[in-house]
C-alpha atoms as a PDB file:
ATOM      1  CA  MET A   1      35.780   0.696 -54.364  1.00  0.00           C
ATOM      2  CA  ARG A   2      37.926   0.894 -51.700  1.00  0.00           C
ATOM      3  CA  ILE A   3      38.201   4.716 -51.783  1.00  0.00           C
ATOM      4  CA  LEU A   4      34.344   4.929 -52.126  1.00  0.00           C
ATOM      5  CA  LEU A   5      33.641   2.887 -49.190  1.00  0.00           C
ATOM      6  CA  LEU A   6      36.360   4.777 -47.291  1.00  0.00           C
ATOM      7  CA  SER A   7      34.184   8.569 -48.231  1.00  0.00           C
ATOM      8  CA  LEU A   8      31.193   6.549 -47.332  1.00  0.00           C
ATOM      9  CA  LEU A   9      32.560   5.859 -43.771  1.00  0.00           C
ATOM     10  CA  VAL A  10      34.429   9.281 -43.700  1.00  0.00           C
ATOM     11  CA  SER A  11      30.885  10.826 -44.152  1.00  0.00           C
ATOM     12  CA  LEU A  12      29.149   8.810 -41.736  1.00  0.00           C
ATOM     13  CA  THR A  13      31.328   9.874 -38.662  1.00  0.00           C
ATOM     14  CA  THR A  14      31.864  13.394 -39.579  1.00  0.00           C
ATOM     15  CA  PHE A  15      28.426  14.582 -39.627  1.00  0.00           C
ATOM     16  CA  PRO A  16      25.909  12.993 -36.719  1.00  0.00           C
ATOM     17  CA  ALA A  17      22.567  11.403 -37.393  1.00  0.00           C
ATOM     18  CA  PHE A  18      19.644  13.356 -35.845  1.00  0.00           C
ATOM     19  CA  SER A  19      16.769  11.866 -34.341  1.00  0.00           C
ATOM     20  CA  ALA A  20      14.481  13.372 -31.913  1.00  0.00           C
ATOM     21  CA  TRP A  21      14.599  16.748 -30.467  1.00  0.00           C
ATOM     22  CA  LEU A  22      14.623  15.958 -26.563  1.00  0.00           C
ATOM     23  CA  LEU A  23      13.007  18.918 -23.805  1.00  0.00           C
ATOM     24  CA  ASP A  24      15.946  20.625 -21.409  1.00  0.00           C
ATOM     25  CA  ASN A  25      14.572  20.681 -18.384  1.00  0.00           C
ATOM     26  CA  GLN A  26      16.846  23.037 -16.868  1.00  0.00           C
ATOM     27  CA  PHE A  27      15.380  25.885 -19.634  1.00  0.00           C
ATOM     28  CA  SER A  28      12.033  25.049 -19.355  1.00  0.00           C
ATOM     29  CA  LYS A  29       9.175  25.582 -17.243  1.00  0.00           C
ATOM     30  CA  LEU A  30       5.576  24.319 -16.629  1.00  0.00           C
ATOM     31  CA  SER A  31       3.164  27.349 -14.446  1.00  0.00           C
ATOM     32  CA  PHE A  32       0.375  27.528 -13.324  1.00  0.00           C
ATOM     33  CA  VAL A  33      -1.980  29.884 -11.023  1.00  0.00           C
ATOM     34  CA  THR A  34      -4.421  29.288  -8.902  1.00  0.00           C
ATOM     35  CA  ILE A  35      -7.132  31.752  -7.083  1.00  0.00           C
ATOM     36  CA  LYS A  36      -8.484  32.089  -4.029  1.00  0.00           C
ATOM     37  CA  LYS A  37     -10.721  33.408  -1.466  1.00  0.00           C
ATOM     38  CA  GLY A  38     -12.008  35.500  -5.120  1.00  0.00           C
ATOM     39  CA  ASP A  39      -9.084  37.593  -6.396  1.00  0.00           C
ATOM     40  CA  ILE A  40      -5.674  36.485  -4.372  1.00  0.00           C
ATOM     41  CA  ALA A  41      -4.216  34.537  -7.296  1.00  0.00           C
ATOM     42  CA  GLU A  42      -0.239  32.839  -6.435  1.00  0.00           C
ATOM     43  CA  ASN A  43       1.996  30.998  -9.203  1.00  0.00           C
ATOM     44  CA  HIS A  44       3.207  27.591  -8.771  1.00  0.00           C
ATOM     45  CA  HIS A  45       5.373  25.443 -11.158  1.00  0.00           C
ATOM     46  CA  PHE A  46       6.340  21.796 -11.552  1.00  0.00           C
ATOM     47  CA  ALA A  47      10.185  21.044 -10.868  1.00  0.00           C
ATOM     48  CA  ARG A  48      10.850  17.983 -13.323  1.00  0.00           C
ATOM     49  CA  LEU A  49       9.184  18.025 -17.229  1.00  0.00           C
ATOM     50  CA  ALA A  50      10.297  15.345 -19.756  1.00  0.00           C
ATOM     51  CA  GLY A  51       9.370  15.397 -23.307  1.00  0.00           C
ATOM     52  CA  LYS A  52      10.361  15.026 -26.961  1.00  0.00           C
ATOM     53  CA  VAL A  53       9.519  15.714 -30.709  1.00  0.00           C
ATOM     54  CA  ASN A  54      10.536  13.061 -33.040  1.00  0.00           C
ATOM     55  CA  LYS A  55      11.344  13.761 -36.763  1.00  0.00           C
ATOM     56  CA  GLU A  56       7.723  13.368 -37.836  1.00  0.00           C
ATOM     57  CA  GLY A  57       6.534  16.436 -35.449  1.00  0.00           C
ATOM     58  CA  LYS A  58       4.981  14.166 -32.983  1.00  0.00           C
ATOM     59  CA  VAL A  59       5.362  15.750 -29.330  1.00  0.00           C
ATOM     60  CA  ASP A  60       5.029  13.512 -26.242  1.00  0.00           C
ATOM     61  CA  PHE A  61       5.394  15.732 -23.290  1.00  0.00           C
ATOM     62  CA  THR A  62       4.949  14.953 -19.588  1.00  0.00           C
ATOM     63  CA  VAL A  63       4.909  16.635 -16.390  1.00  0.00           C
ATOM     64  CA  ASP A  64       6.050  14.715 -13.258  1.00  0.00           C
ATOM     65  CA  LEU A  65       3.343  15.826 -10.602  1.00  0.00           C
ATOM     66  CA  THR A  66       4.651  14.479  -7.594  1.00  0.00           C
ATOM     67  CA  SER A  67       7.025  17.773  -8.703  1.00  0.00           C
ATOM     68  CA  VAL A  68       4.640  20.151  -8.105  1.00  0.00           C
ATOM     69  CA  ASP A  69       6.302  23.211  -5.824  1.00  0.00           C
ATOM     70  CA  THR A  70       4.151  26.532  -4.568  1.00  0.00           C
ATOM     71  CA  LYS A  71       6.334  26.985  -2.355  1.00  0.00           C
ATOM     72  CA  ILE A  72       4.596  26.062   0.663  1.00  0.00           C
ATOM     73  CA  ALA A  73       5.732  22.348   1.303  1.00  0.00           C
ATOM     74  CA  ILE A  74       2.508  21.470   3.549  1.00  0.00           C
ATOM     75  CA  ARG A  75       0.163  22.502   0.334  1.00  0.00           C
ATOM     76  CA  ASP A  76       2.122  20.353  -2.163  1.00  0.00           C
ATOM     77  CA  ASP A  77       1.887  17.139  -0.073  1.00  0.00           C
ATOM     78  CA  ARG A  78      -1.968  17.564  -0.263  1.00  0.00           C
ATOM     79  CA  MET A  79      -1.981  19.267  -3.979  1.00  0.00           C
ATOM     80  CA  LYS A  80      -0.029  15.510  -4.440  1.00  0.00           C
ATOM     81  CA  GLN A  81      -2.313  13.742  -2.138  1.00  0.00           C
ATOM     82  CA  PHE A  82      -5.773  14.952  -2.550  1.00  0.00           C
ATOM     83  CA  LEU A  83      -5.594  16.706  -5.605  1.00  0.00           C
ATOM     84  CA  PHE A  84      -3.705  14.817  -8.050  1.00  0.00           C
ATOM     85  CA  ASN A  85      -3.857  11.745  -6.638  1.00  0.00           C
ATOM     86  CA  THR A  86       0.162  10.944  -7.426  1.00  0.00           C
ATOM     87  CA  ASP A  87      -0.096   7.620  -5.884  1.00  0.00           C
ATOM     88  CA  LYS A  88      -2.392   6.694  -8.672  1.00  0.00           C
ATOM     89  CA  PHE A  89      -1.580   9.255 -11.364  1.00  0.00           C
ATOM     90  CA  PRO A  90       1.721  10.496 -10.922  1.00  0.00           C
ATOM     91  CA  LYS A  91       1.853  11.696 -14.648  1.00  0.00           C
ATOM     92  CA  ALA A  92       0.593  14.696 -16.742  1.00  0.00           C
ATOM     93  CA  ASN A  93       0.812  13.969 -20.612  1.00  0.00           C
ATOM     94  CA  PHE A  94       0.646  16.172 -23.591  1.00  0.00           C
ATOM     95  CA  LYS A  95       0.528  14.533 -27.074  1.00  0.00           C
ATOM     96  CA  ALA A  96       0.531  16.784 -30.290  1.00  0.00           C
ATOM     97  CA  LYS A  97       2.154  17.736 -33.260  1.00  0.00           C
ATOM     98  CA  LEU A  98       4.494  20.155 -34.783  1.00  0.00           C
ATOM     99  CA  ASP A  99       5.010  21.339 -38.548  1.00  0.00           C
ATOM    100  CA  MET A 100       8.572  20.684 -38.194  1.00  0.00           C
ATOM    101  CA  GLN A 101       9.304  21.362 -41.860  1.00  0.00           C
ATOM    102  CA  LYS A 102       8.016  25.017 -40.702  1.00  0.00           C
ATOM    103  CA  ILE A 103      10.873  24.972 -37.751  1.00  0.00           C
ATOM    104  CA  ASP A 104      13.697  22.985 -39.628  1.00  0.00           C
ATOM    105  CA  LYS A 105      13.486  26.178 -42.448  1.00  0.00           C
ATOM    106  CA  LEU A 106      13.286  28.598 -39.907  1.00  0.00           C
ATOM    107  CA  ALA A 107      16.714  30.566 -40.026  1.00  0.00           C
ATOM    108  CA  SER A 108      18.286  30.959 -36.092  1.00  0.00           C
ATOM    109  CA  GLY A 109      17.287  33.857 -34.261  1.00  0.00           C
ATOM    110  CA  LYS A 110      14.044  34.132 -36.004  1.00  0.00           C
ATOM    111  CA  THR A 111      10.114  33.149 -34.581  1.00  0.00           C
ATOM    112  CA  LEU A 112       7.251  32.059 -35.913  1.00  0.00           C
ATOM    113  CA  LEU A 113       3.622  31.379 -34.367  1.00  0.00           C
ATOM    114  CA  MET A 114       1.813  28.178 -34.927  1.00  0.00           C
ATOM    115  CA  PRO A 115      -1.497  26.983 -33.839  1.00  0.00           C
ATOM    116  CA  LEU A 116      -1.328  23.770 -31.641  1.00  0.00           C
ATOM    117  CA  THR A 117      -3.779  21.363 -31.184  1.00  0.00           C
ATOM    118  CA  GLY A 118      -2.823  18.320 -28.651  1.00  0.00           C
ATOM    119  CA  SER A 119      -4.722  15.965 -26.249  1.00  0.00           C
ATOM    120  CA  ILE A 120      -3.305  16.340 -22.627  1.00  0.00           C
ATOM    121  CA  SER A 121      -4.053  13.232 -20.020  1.00  0.00           C
ATOM    122  CA  LEU A 122      -4.516  14.427 -16.873  1.00  0.00           C
ATOM    123  CA  HIS A 123      -5.845  12.133 -13.512  1.00  0.00           C
ATOM    124  CA  GLY A 124      -7.354   9.259 -15.514  1.00  0.00           C
ATOM    125  CA  GLN A 125      -9.059  11.961 -17.962  1.00  0.00           C
ATOM    126  CA  LYS A 126      -8.356  12.988 -21.567  1.00  0.00           C
ATOM    127  CA  GLN A 127      -9.344  16.219 -22.827  1.00  0.00           C
ATOM    128  CA  GLU A 128      -8.489  18.035 -26.203  1.00  0.00           C
ATOM    129  CA  VAL A 129      -6.692  21.548 -26.227  1.00  0.00           C
ATOM    130  CA  SER A 130      -6.194  24.177 -28.595  1.00  0.00           C
ATOM    131  CA  THR A 131      -3.928  26.740 -28.425  1.00  0.00           C
ATOM    132  CA  GLN A 132      -1.375  29.074 -30.723  1.00  0.00           C
ATOM    133  CA  VAL A 133       2.394  28.961 -29.316  1.00  0.00           C
ATOM    134  CA  LEU A 134       5.279  31.146 -30.762  1.00  0.00           C
ATOM    135  CA  VAL A 135       8.707  28.622 -31.671  1.00  0.00           C
ATOM    136  CA  ALA A 136      11.732  30.349 -31.484  1.00  0.00           C
ATOM    137  CA  LYS A 137      14.714  29.238 -33.448  1.00  0.00           C
ATOM    138  CA  LEU A 138      18.025  29.526 -31.444  1.00  0.00           C
ATOM    139  CA  THR A 139      20.630  27.518 -33.289  1.00  0.00           C
ATOM    140  CA  LYS A 140      20.313  24.723 -35.941  1.00  0.00           C
ATOM    141  CA  ASP A 141      20.179  22.327 -32.957  1.00  0.00           C
ATOM    142  CA  LYS A 142      17.657  24.356 -30.613  1.00  0.00           C
ATOM    143  CA  PHE A 143      14.407  25.958 -30.709  1.00  0.00           C
ATOM    144  CA  VAL A 144      11.651  27.077 -27.818  1.00  0.00           C
ATOM    145  CA  VAL A 145       7.810  26.955 -27.693  1.00  0.00           C
ATOM    146  CA  SER A 146       6.247  29.415 -25.550  1.00  0.00           C
ATOM    147  CA  SER A 147       2.348  29.667 -24.901  1.00  0.00           C
ATOM    148  CA  MET A 148       0.996  32.793 -26.886  1.00  0.00           C
ATOM    149  CA  GLN A 149      -1.865  33.119 -23.903  1.00  0.00           C
ATOM    150  CA  PRO A 150      -2.353  30.850 -20.875  1.00  0.00           C
ATOM    151  CA  VAL A 151      -4.032  27.396 -21.775  1.00  0.00           C
ATOM    152  CA  LEU A 152      -7.192  27.246 -19.361  1.00  0.00           C
ATOM    153  CA  ILE A 153      -7.397  23.584 -17.631  1.00  0.00           C
ATOM    154  CA  ASN A 154     -11.005  23.443 -15.729  1.00  0.00           C
ATOM    155  CA  ALA A 155     -10.888  21.073 -12.829  1.00  0.00           C
ATOM    156  CA  LYS A 156     -14.476  19.366 -13.967  1.00  0.00           C
ATOM    157  CA  ASN A 157     -12.968  18.051 -17.168  1.00  0.00           C
ATOM    158  CA  TYR A 158     -10.774  16.222 -15.108  1.00  0.00           C
ATOM    159  CA  ASP A 159     -12.450  15.058 -12.304  1.00  0.00           C
ATOM    160  CA  LEU A 160     -10.795  16.763 -10.394  1.00  0.00           C
ATOM    161  CA  VAL A 161     -13.631  19.056  -8.146  1.00  0.00           C
ATOM    162  CA  ALA A 162     -13.582  16.729  -5.362  1.00  0.00           C
ATOM    163  CA  GLY A 163     -10.183  17.779  -4.792  1.00  0.00           C
ATOM    164  CA  VAL A 164     -10.517  20.816  -5.172  1.00  0.00           C
ATOM    165  CA  ALA A 165     -12.630  21.296  -2.630  1.00  0.00           C
ATOM    166  CA  LYS A 166     -10.898  18.866  -0.461  1.00  0.00           C
ATOM    167  CA  LEU A 167      -7.769  21.494  -0.265  1.00  0.00           C
ATOM    168  CA  ARG A 168      -9.969  24.214  -0.012  1.00  0.00           C
ATOM    169  CA  GLU A 169     -11.531  22.279   3.456  1.00  0.00           C
ATOM    170  CA  LEU A 170      -7.932  22.136   4.750  1.00  0.00           C
ATOM    171  CA  ALA A 171      -7.137  25.536   4.309  1.00  0.00           C
ATOM    172  CA  GLY A 172      -9.921  26.537   5.842  1.00  0.00           C
ATOM    173  CA  LEU A 173     -10.906  28.809   2.430  1.00  0.00           C
ATOM    174  CA  PRO A 174     -14.464  30.389   1.319  1.00  0.00           C
ATOM    175  CA  SER A 175     -13.160  29.608  -2.284  1.00  0.00           C
ATOM    176  CA  ILE A 176     -10.321  28.601  -4.315  1.00  0.00           C
ATOM    177  CA  SER A 177     -11.150  28.528  -8.232  1.00  0.00           C
ATOM    178  CA  ASN A 178     -11.634  25.688 -10.741  1.00  0.00           C
ATOM    179  CA  ALA A 179     -10.321  27.075 -13.362  1.00  0.00           C
ATOM    180  CA  VAL A 180      -6.548  27.245 -13.944  1.00  0.00           C
ATOM    181  CA  PRO A 181      -4.327  29.522 -16.449  1.00  0.00           C
ATOM    182  CA  VAL A 182      -1.425  27.310 -17.129  1.00  0.00           C
ATOM    183  CA  SER A 183       1.377  28.925 -19.120  1.00  0.00           C
ATOM    184  CA  PHE A 184       4.914  27.151 -20.359  1.00  0.00           C
ATOM    185  CA  VAL A 185       8.279  27.703 -22.023  1.00  0.00           C
ATOM    186  CA  LEU A 186       9.501  24.753 -23.678  1.00  0.00           C
ATOM    187  CA  SER A 187      13.241  24.298 -24.848  1.00  0.00           C
ATOM    188  CA  PHE A 188      14.348  21.699 -27.188  1.00  0.00           C
ATOM    189  CA  ASN A 189      17.450  20.589 -28.738  1.00  0.00           C
ATOM    190  CA  GLN A 190      18.178  18.153 -31.619  1.00  0.00           C
ATOM    191  CA  ALA A 191      19.820  14.070 -29.777  1.00  0.00           C
ATOM    192  CA  HIS A 192      22.449  13.391 -31.911  1.00  0.00           C
ATOM    193  CA  THR A 193      22.301   9.813 -32.787  1.00  0.00           C
ATOM    194  CA  GLY A 194      26.178   9.371 -34.313  1.00  0.00           C
END
């Protein structure tokens, strides 16, 4: 009996238990493109992202809207104040579900195309979105999810039209598009609980 207990203890300490997959912010990026004056496009991104995928594949991904980075400080401040209203809505959230059985079975170095459907909560509004992602298994405890095409976010769906108009007014621009393409590369590491 003692040998059995010792063997059990050794196995528990030798092989770590796995729990959630956690987002690695350093190797992840969420980018968006704005279009002004009809045909002037500019790239922007958010510096702080967080997220996890649990064992059942439930995705909980959060964007810190106060970390918006457009490379122009006054524009960042205006977006936070007049567009995102970060005092009231500091974060955006995406919830979905991934087929973790397929990802678990994926060999290191292999990729897989998957549909992804979920809900975006932004500026007090919630909308369903669907896209296709490429999942790349880097190692047994690291995978990357990338958008195969940009996800189109329309200001009208998230009560952001007035904010876009205010930004246009402040910048003295004839137009800023209400439709914004969003792309992402999200890196996840498997967390060890033991």
